[in-house]
């Protein structure tokens, strides 16, 4: 069992299948919301502002 960010799970199924030869499986369950670190938040806000400016 582990707690990981949802973003990190986006390619986990494919990786797990490759590593286990298709025999392993996993389940996910929501645990909680967490604060985003300030540096990551700034990066996300900048990317969002840039995408809005492009439109």
PDB file of N, CA and C in Angstrom:
ATOM      1  N   UNK A   1       0.847  -1.174   0.000  1.00  0.00           N
ATOM      2  CA  UNK A   1       0.000   0.000   0.000  1.00  0.00           C
ATOM      3  C   UNK A   1       0.892   1.236   0.000  1.00  0.00           C
ATOM      4  N   UNK A   2       0.443   2.248  -0.728  1.00  0.00           N
ATOM      5  CA  UNK A   2       1.219   3.488  -0.793  1.00  0.00           C
ATOM      6  C   UNK A   2       0.299   4.647  -1.126  1.00  0.00           C
ATOM      7  N   UNK A   3       0.713   5.840  -0.731  1.00  0.00           N
ATOM      8  CA  UNK A   3       0.033   7.063  -1.126  1.00  0.00           C
ATOM      9  C   UNK A   3       0.897   7.735  -2.174  1.00  0.00           C
ATOM     10  N   UNK A   4       0.320   7.982  -3.341  1.00  0.00           N
ATOM     11  CA  UNK A   4       1.058   8.642  -4.421  1.00  0.00           C
ATOM     12  C   UNK A   4       0.161   9.687  -5.074  1.00  0.00           C
ATOM     13  N   UNK A   5       0.753  10.717  -5.667  1.00  0.00           N
ATOM     14  CA  UNK A   5      -0.055  11.702  -6.385  1.00  0.00           C
ATOM     15  C   UNK A   5      -0.750  11.051  -7.586  1.00  0.00           C
ATOM     16  N   UNK A   6      -1.966  11.493  -7.856  1.00  0.00           N
ATOM     17  CA  UNK A   6      -2.738  10.925  -8.965  1.00  0.00           C
ATOM     18  C   UNK A   6      -1.997  11.052 -10.287  1.00  0.00           C
ATOM     19  N   UNK A   7      -1.308  12.157 -10.497  1.00  0.00           N
ATOM     20  CA  UNK A   7      -0.563  12.360 -11.735  1.00  0.00           C
ATOM     21  C   UNK A   7       0.462  11.245 -11.957  1.00  0.00           C
ATOM     22  N   UNK A   8       1.055  10.761 -10.889  1.00  0.00           N
ATOM     23  CA  UNK A   8       2.058   9.703 -11.001  1.00  0.00           C
ATOM     24  C   UNK A   8       1.436   8.370 -11.429  1.00  0.00           C
ATOM     25  N   UNK A   9       0.135   8.235 -11.269  1.00  0.00           N
ATOM     26  CA  UNK A   9      -0.543   6.975 -11.598  1.00  0.00           C
ATOM     27  C   UNK A   9      -0.985   6.891 -13.053  1.00  0.00           C
ATOM     28  N   UNK A  10      -0.809   7.976 -13.816  1.00  0.00           N
ATOM     29  CA  UNK A  10      -1.339   8.000 -15.182  1.00  0.00           C
ATOM     30  C   UNK A  10      -0.753   6.911 -16.080  1.00  0.00           C
ATOM     31  N   UNK A  11       0.496   6.552 -15.888  1.00  0.00           N
ATOM     32  CA  UNK A  11       1.097   5.517 -16.732  1.00  0.00           C
ATOM     33  C   UNK A  11       1.423   4.247 -15.946  1.00  0.00           C
ATOM     34  N   UNK A  12       0.955   4.169 -14.719  1.00  0.00           N
ATOM     35  CA  UNK A  12       1.290   3.025 -13.860  1.00  0.00           C
ATOM     36  C   UNK A  12       0.751   1.705 -14.413  1.00  0.00           C
ATOM     37  N   UNK A  13      -0.462   1.710 -14.909  1.00  0.00           N
ATOM     38  CA  UNK A  13      -1.063   0.482 -15.419  1.00  0.00           C
ATOM     39  C   UNK A  13      -0.219  -0.133 -16.535  1.00  0.00           C
ATOM     40  N   UNK A  14       0.228   0.701 -17.457  1.00  0.00           N
ATOM     41  CA  UNK A  14       1.057   0.230 -18.566  1.00  0.00           C
ATOM     42  C   UNK A  14       2.395  -0.296 -18.051  1.00  0.00           C
ATOM     43  N   UNK A  15       3.008   0.434 -17.140  1.00  0.00           N
ATOM     44  CA  UNK A  15       4.295   0.008 -16.586  1.00  0.00           C
ATOM     45  C   UNK A  15       4.163  -1.310 -15.826  1.00  0.00           C
ATOM     46  N   UNK A  16       3.128  -1.411 -15.008  1.00  0.00           N
ATOM     47  CA  UNK A  16       2.913  -2.634 -14.235  1.00  0.00           C
ATOM     48  C   UNK A  16       2.684  -3.832 -15.154  1.00  0.00           C
ATOM     49  N   UNK A  17       1.919  -3.628 -16.197  1.00  0.00           N
ATOM     50  CA  UNK A  17       1.660  -4.702 -17.149  1.00  0.00           C
ATOM     51  C   UNK A  17       2.950  -5.153 -17.834  1.00  0.00           C
ATOM     52  N   UNK A  18       3.781  -4.190 -18.206  1.00  0.00           N
ATOM     53  CA  UNK A  18       5.055  -4.520 -18.861  1.00  0.00           C
ATOM     54  C   UNK A  18       5.973  -5.292 -17.923  1.00  0.00           C
ATOM     55  N   UNK A  19       6.076  -4.829 -16.695  1.00  0.00           N
ATOM     56  CA  UNK A  19       6.984  -5.449 -15.721  1.00  0.00           C
ATOM     57  C   UNK A  19       6.531  -6.860 -15.352  1.00  0.00           C
ATOM     58  N   UNK A  20       5.220  -7.054 -15.214  1.00  0.00           N
ATOM     59  CA  UNK A  20       4.706  -8.337 -14.718  1.00  0.00           C
ATOM     60  C   UNK A  20       4.262  -9.285 -15.828  1.00  0.00           C
ATOM     61  N   UNK A  21       4.433  -8.880 -17.065  1.00  0.00           N
ATOM     62  CA  UNK A  21       3.974  -9.732 -18.164  1.00  0.00           C
ATOM     63  C   UNK A  21       2.460  -9.808 -18.221  1.00  0.00           C
ATOM     64  N   UNK A  22       1.790  -8.787 -17.720  1.00  0.00           N
ATOM     65  CA  UNK A  22       0.329  -8.734 -17.770  1.00  0.00           C
ATOM     66  C   UNK A  22      -0.365  -9.497 -16.661  1.00  0.00           C
ATOM     67  N   UNK A  23       0.368 -10.005 -15.672  1.00  0.00           N
ATOM     68  CA  UNK A  23      -0.244 -10.823 -14.624  1.00  0.00           C
ATOM     69  C   UNK A  23      -0.644 -10.061 -13.374  1.00  0.00           C
ATOM     70  N   UNK A  24      -0.071  -8.889 -13.142  1.00  0.00           N
ATOM     71  CA  UNK A  24      -0.348  -8.135 -11.913  1.00  0.00           C
ATOM     72  C   UNK A  24      -1.511  -7.167 -12.112  1.00  0.00           C
ATOM     73  N   UNK A  25      -2.107  -6.767 -11.018  1.00  0.00           N
ATOM     74  CA  UNK A  25      -3.179  -5.775 -11.069  1.00  0.00           C
ATOM     75  C   UNK A  25      -3.046  -4.863  -9.851  1.00  0.00           C
ATOM     76  N   UNK A  26      -3.789  -3.772  -9.875  1.00  0.00           N
ATOM     77  CA  UNK A  26      -3.755  -2.842  -8.753  1.00  0.00           C
ATOM     78  C   UNK A  26      -5.112  -2.167  -8.631  1.00  0.00           C
ATOM     79  N   UNK A  27      -5.346  -1.562  -7.496  1.00  0.00           N
ATOM     80  CA  UNK A  27      -6.551  -0.771  -7.284  1.00  0.00           C
ATOM     81  C   UNK A  27      -6.140   0.579  -6.718  1.00  0.00           C
ATOM     82  N   UNK A  28      -6.968   1.580  -7.004  1.00  0.00           N
ATOM     83  CA  UNK A  28      -6.723   2.914  -6.459  1.00  0.00           C
ATOM     84  C   UNK A  28      -7.949   3.333  -5.657  1.00  0.00           C
ATOM     85  N   UNK A  29      -7.698   4.079  -4.599  1.00  0.00           N
ATOM     86  CA  UNK A  29      -8.769   4.600  -3.776  1.00  0.00           C
ATOM     87  C   UNK A  29      -8.383   6.005  -3.335  1.00  0.00           C
ATOM     88  N   UNK A  30      -9.316   6.942  -3.459  1.00  0.00           N
ATOM     89  CA  UNK A  30      -9.046   8.311  -3.041  1.00  0.00           C
ATOM     90  C   UNK A  30      -8.725   8.336  -1.556  1.00  0.00           C
ATOM     91  N   UNK A  31      -7.689   9.088  -1.206  1.00  0.00           N
ATOM     92  CA  UNK A  31      -7.297   9.199   0.187  1.00  0.00           C
ATOM     93  C   UNK A  31      -7.602  10.585   0.734  1.00  0.00           C
ATOM     94  N   UNK A  32      -7.018  11.612   0.117  1.00  0.00           N
ATOM     95  CA  UNK A  32      -7.221  12.966   0.611  1.00  0.00           C
ATOM     96  C   UNK A  32      -6.656  13.975  -0.375  1.00  0.00           C
ATOM     97  N   UNK A  33      -7.058  15.207  -0.183  1.00  0.00           N
ATOM     98  CA  UNK A  33      -6.452  16.306  -0.918  1.00  0.00           C
ATOM     99  C   UNK A  33      -5.263  16.801  -0.115  1.00  0.00           C
ATOM    100  N   UNK A  34      -4.228  17.232  -0.792  1.00  0.00           N
ATOM    101  CA  UNK A  34      -3.040  17.781  -0.137  1.00  0.00           C
ATOM    102  C   UNK A  34      -2.692  19.109  -0.790  1.00  0.00           C
ATOM    103  N   UNK A  35      -2.038  19.986  -0.045  1.00  0.00           N
ATOM    104  CA  UNK A  35      -1.571  21.244  -0.605  1.00  0.00           C
ATOM    105  C   UNK A  35      -0.435  20.984  -1.591  1.00  0.00           C
ATOM    106  N   UNK A  36      -0.431  21.758  -2.650  1.00  0.00           N
ATOM    107  CA  UNK A  36       0.634  21.667  -3.639  1.00  0.00           C
ATOM    108  C   UNK A  36       1.797  22.531  -3.146  1.00  0.00           C
ATOM    109  N   UNK A  37       3.029  22.042  -3.242  1.00  0.00           N
ATOM    110  CA  UNK A  37       4.169  22.874  -2.841  1.00  0.00           C
ATOM    111  C   UNK A  37       4.179  24.190  -3.629  1.00  0.00           C
ATOM    112  N   UNK A  38       4.673  25.249  -3.006  1.00  0.00           N
ATOM    113  CA  UNK A  38       4.636  26.593  -3.600  1.00  0.00           C
ATOM    114  C   UNK A  38       5.295  26.647  -4.974  1.00  0.00           C
ATOM    115  N   UNK A  39       6.438  25.987  -5.150  1.00  0.00           N
ATOM    116  CA  UNK A  39       7.119  26.040  -6.444  1.00  0.00           C
ATOM    117  C   UNK A  39       6.301  25.359  -7.538  1.00  0.00           C
ATOM    118  N   UNK A  40       5.656  24.269  -7.209  1.00  0.00           N
ATOM    119  CA  UNK A  40       4.811  23.567  -8.178  1.00  0.00           C
ATOM    120  C   UNK A  40       3.569  24.409  -8.489  1.00  0.00           C
ATOM    121  N   UNK A  41       3.001  25.032  -7.473  1.00  0.00           N
ATOM    122  CA  UNK A  41       1.827  25.881  -7.664  1.00  0.00           C
ATOM    123  C   UNK A  41       2.149  27.042  -8.599  1.00  0.00           C
ATOM    124  N   UNK A  42       3.284  27.681  -8.393  1.00  0.00           N
ATOM    125  CA  UNK A  42       3.679  28.795  -9.260  1.00  0.00           C
ATOM    126  C   UNK A  42       3.830  28.333 -10.712  1.00  0.00           C
ATOM    127  N   UNK A  43       4.448  27.183 -10.908  1.00  0.00           N
ATOM    128  CA  UNK A  43       4.638  26.643 -12.256  1.00  0.00           C
ATOM    129  C   UNK A  43       3.281  26.364 -12.915  1.00  0.00           C
ATOM    130  N   UNK A  44       2.364  25.751 -12.181  1.00  0.00           N
ATOM    131  CA  UNK A  44       1.043  25.439 -12.727  1.00  0.00           C
ATOM    132  C   UNK A  44       0.267  26.704 -13.070  1.00  0.00           C
ATOM    133  N   UNK A  45       0.334  27.707 -12.193  1.00  0.00           N
ATOM    134  CA  UNK A  45      -0.363  28.964 -12.456  1.00  0.00           C
ATOM    135  C   UNK A  45       0.203  29.678 -13.674  1.00  0.00           C
ATOM    136  N   UNK A  46       1.527  29.638 -13.842  1.00  0.00           N
ATOM    137  CA  UNK A  46       2.156  30.260 -15.009  1.00  0.00           C
ATOM    138  C   UNK A  46       1.724  29.546 -16.284  1.00  0.00           C
ATOM    139  N   UNK A  47       1.730  28.214 -16.269  1.00  0.00           N
ATOM    140  CA  UNK A  47       1.307  27.446 -17.436  1.00  0.00           C
ATOM    141  C   UNK A  47      -0.152  27.734 -17.789  1.00  0.00           C
ATOM    142  N   UNK A  48      -0.994  27.864 -16.765  1.00  0.00           N
ATOM    143  CA  UNK A  48      -2.404  28.162 -16.997  1.00  0.00           C
ATOM    144  C   UNK A  48      -2.554  29.562 -17.602  1.00  0.00           C
ATOM    145  N   UNK A  49      -1.854  30.540 -17.046  1.00  0.00           N
ATOM    146  CA  UNK A  49      -1.923  31.914 -17.563  1.00  0.00           C
ATOM    147  C   UNK A  49      -1.432  31.965 -19.007  1.00  0.00           C
ATOM    148  N   UNK A  50      -0.366  31.246 -19.316  1.00  0.00           N
ATOM    149  CA  UNK A  50       0.141  31.206 -20.686  1.00  0.00           C
ATOM    150  C   UNK A  50      -0.871  30.577 -21.637  1.00  0.00           C
ATOM    151  N   UNK A  51      -1.543  29.512 -21.197  1.00  0.00           N
ATOM    152  CA  UNK A  51      -2.528  28.859 -22.060  1.00  0.00           C
ATOM    153  C   UNK A  51      -3.738  29.757 -22.291  1.00  0.00           C
ATOM    154  N   UNK A  52      -4.116  30.559 -21.302  1.00  0.00           N
ATOM    155  CA  UNK A  52      -5.235  31.484 -21.463  1.00  0.00           C
ATOM    156  C   UNK A  52      -4.859  32.626 -22.396  1.00  0.00           C
ATOM    157  N   UNK A  53      -3.605  33.054 -22.344  1.00  0.00           N
ATOM    158  CA  UNK A  53      -3.141  34.141 -23.213  1.00  0.00           C
ATOM    159  C   UNK A  53      -3.108  33.685 -24.670  1.00  0.00           C
ATOM    160  N   UNK A  54      -2.851  32.400 -24.905  1.00  0.00           N
ATOM    161  CA  UNK A  54      -2.800  31.865 -26.264  1.00  0.00           C
ATOM    162  C   UNK A  54      -4.177  31.807 -26.913  1.00  0.00           C
ATOM    163  N   UNK A  55      -5.206  31.727 -26.117  1.00  0.00           N
ATOM    164  CA  UNK A  55      -6.576  31.608 -26.651  1.00  0.00           C
ATOM    165  C   UNK A  55      -7.121  32.905 -26.985  1.00  0.00           C
TER     166      UNK A  55
END
